[in-house]
C-alpha atoms as a PDB file:
ATOM      1  CA  UNK A   1      -4.335  -5.955 -10.997  1.00  0.00           C
ATOM      2  CA  UNK A   2      -1.324  -5.264 -13.177  1.00  0.00           C
ATOM      3  CA  UNK A   3       2.396  -4.947 -12.523  1.00  0.00           C
ATOM      4  CA  UNK A   4       3.381  -1.577 -11.080  1.00  0.00           C
ATOM      5  CA  UNK A   5       4.323   1.106 -13.568  1.00  0.00           C
ATOM      6  CA  UNK A   6       6.358   3.435 -11.350  1.00  0.00           C
ATOM      7  CA  UNK A   7       5.719   6.533 -13.495  1.00  0.00           C
ATOM      8  CA  UNK A   8       1.948   6.050 -13.563  1.00  0.00           C
ATOM      9  CA  UNK A   9       1.673   5.378  -9.831  1.00  0.00           C
ATOM     10  CA  UNK A  10       3.853   8.421  -9.071  1.00  0.00           C
ATOM     11  CA  UNK A  11       1.549  10.611 -11.179  1.00  0.00           C
ATOM     12  CA  UNK A  12      -1.444   9.425  -9.160  1.00  0.00           C
ATOM     13  CA  UNK A  13       0.360  10.008  -5.857  1.00  0.00           C
ATOM     14  CA  UNK A  14       1.114  13.548  -7.055  1.00  0.00           C
ATOM     15  CA  UNK A  15      -2.592  14.130  -7.844  1.00  0.00           C
ATOM     16  CA  UNK A  16      -3.590  13.186  -4.271  1.00  0.00           C
ATOM     17  CA  UNK A  17      -0.835  15.343  -2.703  1.00  0.00           C
ATOM     18  CA  UNK A  18      -2.149  18.209  -0.567  1.00  0.00           C
ATOM     19  CA  UNK A  19      -5.672  16.776  -0.441  1.00  0.00           C
ATOM     20  CA  UNK A  20      -7.332  15.136   2.525  1.00  0.00           C
ATOM     21  CA  UNK A  21      -7.359  11.441   1.641  1.00  0.00           C
ATOM     22  CA  UNK A  22      -8.347   8.215   3.313  1.00  0.00           C
ATOM     23  CA  UNK A  23      -5.723   5.535   3.768  1.00  0.00           C
ATOM     24  CA  UNK A  24      -6.178   1.800   4.000  1.00  0.00           C
ATOM     25  CA  UNK A  25      -2.979  -0.034   4.926  1.00  0.00           C
ATOM     26  CA  UNK A  26      -2.856  -3.717   5.722  1.00  0.00           C
ATOM     27  CA  UNK A  27       0.060  -6.072   6.149  1.00  0.00           C
ATOM     28  CA  UNK A  28      -0.068  -9.682   7.162  1.00  0.00           C
ATOM     29  CA  UNK A  29       1.589 -12.991   7.158  1.00  0.00           C
ATOM     30  CA  UNK A  30      -1.215 -14.086   9.474  1.00  0.00           C
ATOM     31  CA  UNK A  31      -2.193 -17.711   9.120  1.00  0.00           C
ATOM     32  CA  UNK A  32       0.199 -17.947   6.192  1.00  0.00           C
ATOM     33  CA  UNK A  33       3.167 -18.139   8.592  1.00  0.00           C
ATOM     34  CA  UNK A  34       2.227 -21.698   9.502  1.00  0.00           C
ATOM     35  CA  UNK A  35       2.733 -22.698   5.869  1.00  0.00           C
ATOM     36  CA  UNK A  36       6.438 -21.991   6.159  1.00  0.00           C
ATOM     37  CA  UNK A  37       7.020 -24.640   8.825  1.00  0.00           C
ATOM     38  CA  UNK A  38       8.860 -22.232  11.072  1.00  0.00           C
ATOM     39  CA  UNK A  39       8.324 -21.014  14.595  1.00  0.00           C
ATOM     40  CA  UNK A  40       7.956 -17.378  13.555  1.00  0.00           C
ATOM     41  CA  UNK A  41       5.388 -15.150  15.173  1.00  0.00           C
ATOM     42  CA  UNK A  42       2.422 -14.120  13.058  1.00  0.00           C
ATOM     43  CA  UNK A  43       2.463 -10.389  12.434  1.00  0.00           C
ATOM     44  CA  UNK A  44       0.147  -7.921  10.787  1.00  0.00           C
ATOM     45  CA  UNK A  45      -1.153  -4.381  10.808  1.00  0.00           C
ATOM     46  CA  UNK A  46      -4.504  -2.998   9.739  1.00  0.00           C
ATOM     47  CA  UNK A  47      -5.695   0.579   9.452  1.00  0.00           C
ATOM     48  CA  UNK A  48      -8.746   1.702   7.516  1.00  0.00           C
ATOM     49  CA  UNK A  49     -10.036   5.185   6.725  1.00  0.00           C
ATOM     50  CA  UNK A  50      -7.234   7.072   8.435  1.00  0.00           C
ATOM     51  CA  UNK A  51      -7.466  10.688   7.240  1.00  0.00           C
ATOM     52  CA  UNK A  52      -4.201  12.034   5.965  1.00  0.00           C
ATOM     53  CA  UNK A  53      -2.961  15.043   4.041  1.00  0.00           C
ATOM     54  CA  UNK A  54       0.524  14.476   2.712  1.00  0.00           C
ATOM     55  CA  UNK A  55       3.075  16.919   1.408  1.00  0.00           C
ATOM     56  CA  UNK A  56       5.211  14.355  -0.376  1.00  0.00           C
ATOM     57  CA  UNK A  57       4.346  10.977  -1.846  1.00  0.00           C
ATOM     58  CA  UNK A  58       6.942   8.743  -3.454  1.00  0.00           C
ATOM     59  CA  UNK A  59       7.220   5.298  -4.946  1.00  0.00           C
ATOM     60  CA  UNK A  60      10.668   3.697  -4.967  1.00  0.00           C
ATOM     61  CA  UNK A  61      12.129   0.264  -5.568  1.00  0.00           C
ATOM     62  CA  UNK A  62      12.205  -2.323  -8.307  1.00  0.00           C
ATOM     63  CA  UNK A  63       9.587  -4.586  -9.895  1.00  0.00           C
ATOM     64  CA  UNK A  64      10.471  -7.257  -7.324  1.00  0.00           C
ATOM     65  CA  UNK A  65       9.448  -4.968  -4.448  1.00  0.00           C
ATOM     66  CA  UNK A  66       8.283  -1.362  -4.490  1.00  0.00           C
ATOM     67  CA  UNK A  67       7.609   0.840  -1.476  1.00  0.00           C
ATOM     68  CA  UNK A  68       5.351   3.871  -1.202  1.00  0.00           C
ATOM     69  CA  UNK A  69       5.943   6.573   1.371  1.00  0.00           C
ATOM     70  CA  UNK A  70       3.719   9.503   2.279  1.00  0.00           C
ATOM     71  CA  UNK A  71       5.139  12.412   4.277  1.00  0.00           C
ATOM     72  CA  UNK A  72       2.698  14.367   6.408  1.00  0.00           C
ATOM     73  CA  UNK A  73       3.100  17.123   8.954  1.00  0.00           C
ATOM     74  CA  UNK A  74       3.535  14.484  11.671  1.00  0.00           C
ATOM     75  CA  UNK A  75       5.894  12.099   9.887  1.00  0.00           C
ATOM     76  CA  UNK A  76       5.945   9.291   7.352  1.00  0.00           C
ATOM     77  CA  UNK A  77       3.654   6.389   6.502  1.00  0.00           C
ATOM     78  CA  UNK A  78       5.028   3.739   4.202  1.00  0.00           C
ATOM     79  CA  UNK A  79       4.476   0.242   2.921  1.00  0.00           C
ATOM     80  CA  UNK A  80       6.843  -2.065   1.084  1.00  0.00           C
ATOM     81  CA  UNK A  81       6.586  -5.323  -0.803  1.00  0.00           C
ATOM     82  CA  UNK A  82       4.202  -3.799  -3.347  1.00  0.00           C
ATOM     83  CA  UNK A  83       4.052  -5.297  -6.848  1.00  0.00           C
ATOM     84  CA  UNK A  84       0.612  -4.750  -8.399  1.00  0.00           C
ATOM     85  CA  UNK A  85      -1.765  -1.820  -8.786  1.00  0.00           C
ATOM     86  CA  UNK A  86      -4.950  -0.503 -10.331  1.00  0.00           C
ATOM     87  CA  UNK A  87      -7.311   2.437 -10.170  1.00  0.00           C
ATOM     88  CA  UNK A  88     -10.833   1.437  -9.178  1.00  0.00           C
ATOM     89  CA  UNK A  89     -13.633   4.005  -8.765  1.00  0.00           C
ATOM     90  CA  UNK A  90     -11.091   6.840  -8.264  1.00  0.00           C
ATOM     91  CA  UNK A  91      -9.231   4.827  -5.624  1.00  0.00           C
ATOM     92  CA  UNK A  92      -5.562   3.889  -5.894  1.00  0.00           C
ATOM     93  CA  UNK A  93      -5.181   0.226  -4.988  1.00  0.00           C
ATOM     94  CA  UNK A  94      -1.647  -1.173  -4.616  1.00  0.00           C
ATOM     95  CA  UNK A  95      -0.791  -4.622  -3.276  1.00  0.00           C
ATOM     96  CA  UNK A  96       1.831  -7.280  -2.864  1.00  0.00           C
ATOM     97  CA  UNK A  97       1.057 -10.985  -3.062  1.00  0.00           C
ATOM     98  CA  UNK A  98       3.253 -13.987  -2.406  1.00  0.00           C
ATOM     99  CA  UNK A  99       4.127 -16.570  -5.073  1.00  0.00           C
ATOM    100  CA  UNK A 100       0.859 -18.399  -4.377  1.00  0.00           C
ATOM    101  CA  UNK A 101      -1.260 -15.263  -4.783  1.00  0.00           C
ATOM    102  CA  UNK A 102      -1.952 -14.638  -1.102  1.00  0.00           C
ATOM    103  CA  UNK A 103      -2.200 -11.013  -0.007  1.00  0.00           C
ATOM    104  CA  UNK A 104       0.805  -9.836   1.995  1.00  0.00           C
ATOM    105  CA  UNK A 105       0.354  -6.036   1.853  1.00  0.00           C
ATOM    106  CA  UNK A 106      -2.380  -3.662   0.684  1.00  0.00           C
ATOM    107  CA  UNK A 107      -1.997   0.114   0.354  1.00  0.00           C
ATOM    108  CA  UNK A 108      -4.994   2.120  -0.804  1.00  0.00           C
ATOM    109  CA  UNK A 109      -5.783   5.835  -1.123  1.00  0.00           C
ATOM    110  CA  UNK A 110      -9.082   7.547  -1.811  1.00  0.00           C
ATOM    111  CA  UNK A 111     -10.700  10.959  -1.464  1.00  0.00           C
ATOM    112  CA  UNK A 112     -13.784   9.187  -0.075  1.00  0.00           C
ATOM    113  CA  UNK A 113     -13.934   6.703   2.798  1.00  0.00           C
ATOM    114  CA  UNK A 114     -13.558   2.996   2.087  1.00  0.00           C
ATOM    115  CA  UNK A 115     -16.644   0.877   2.778  1.00  0.00           C
END
């Protein structure tokens, strides 16, 4: 994956706008929380192949932490902490990793279901 280029990612979000797409969204600190030596609660969210048609898609933020939001008829879906991206087999893959390379957030869009 490469560092996010805001203009390129926005162009791809615009291409998916108005189409029925599949969303994969995953956030976690999971087992990683124990590495921080704190008493925090492990948290995470996982959704795969949620169908969504959005009317507005935006990427905002800075290279340290971008966020992507998708506005649909029923409201917004968003993810933050994103830093890297790539297109793979017509799928937009965007992610955020911690300093040690562990996945913290994944945000993916595709016109076909994810396996």
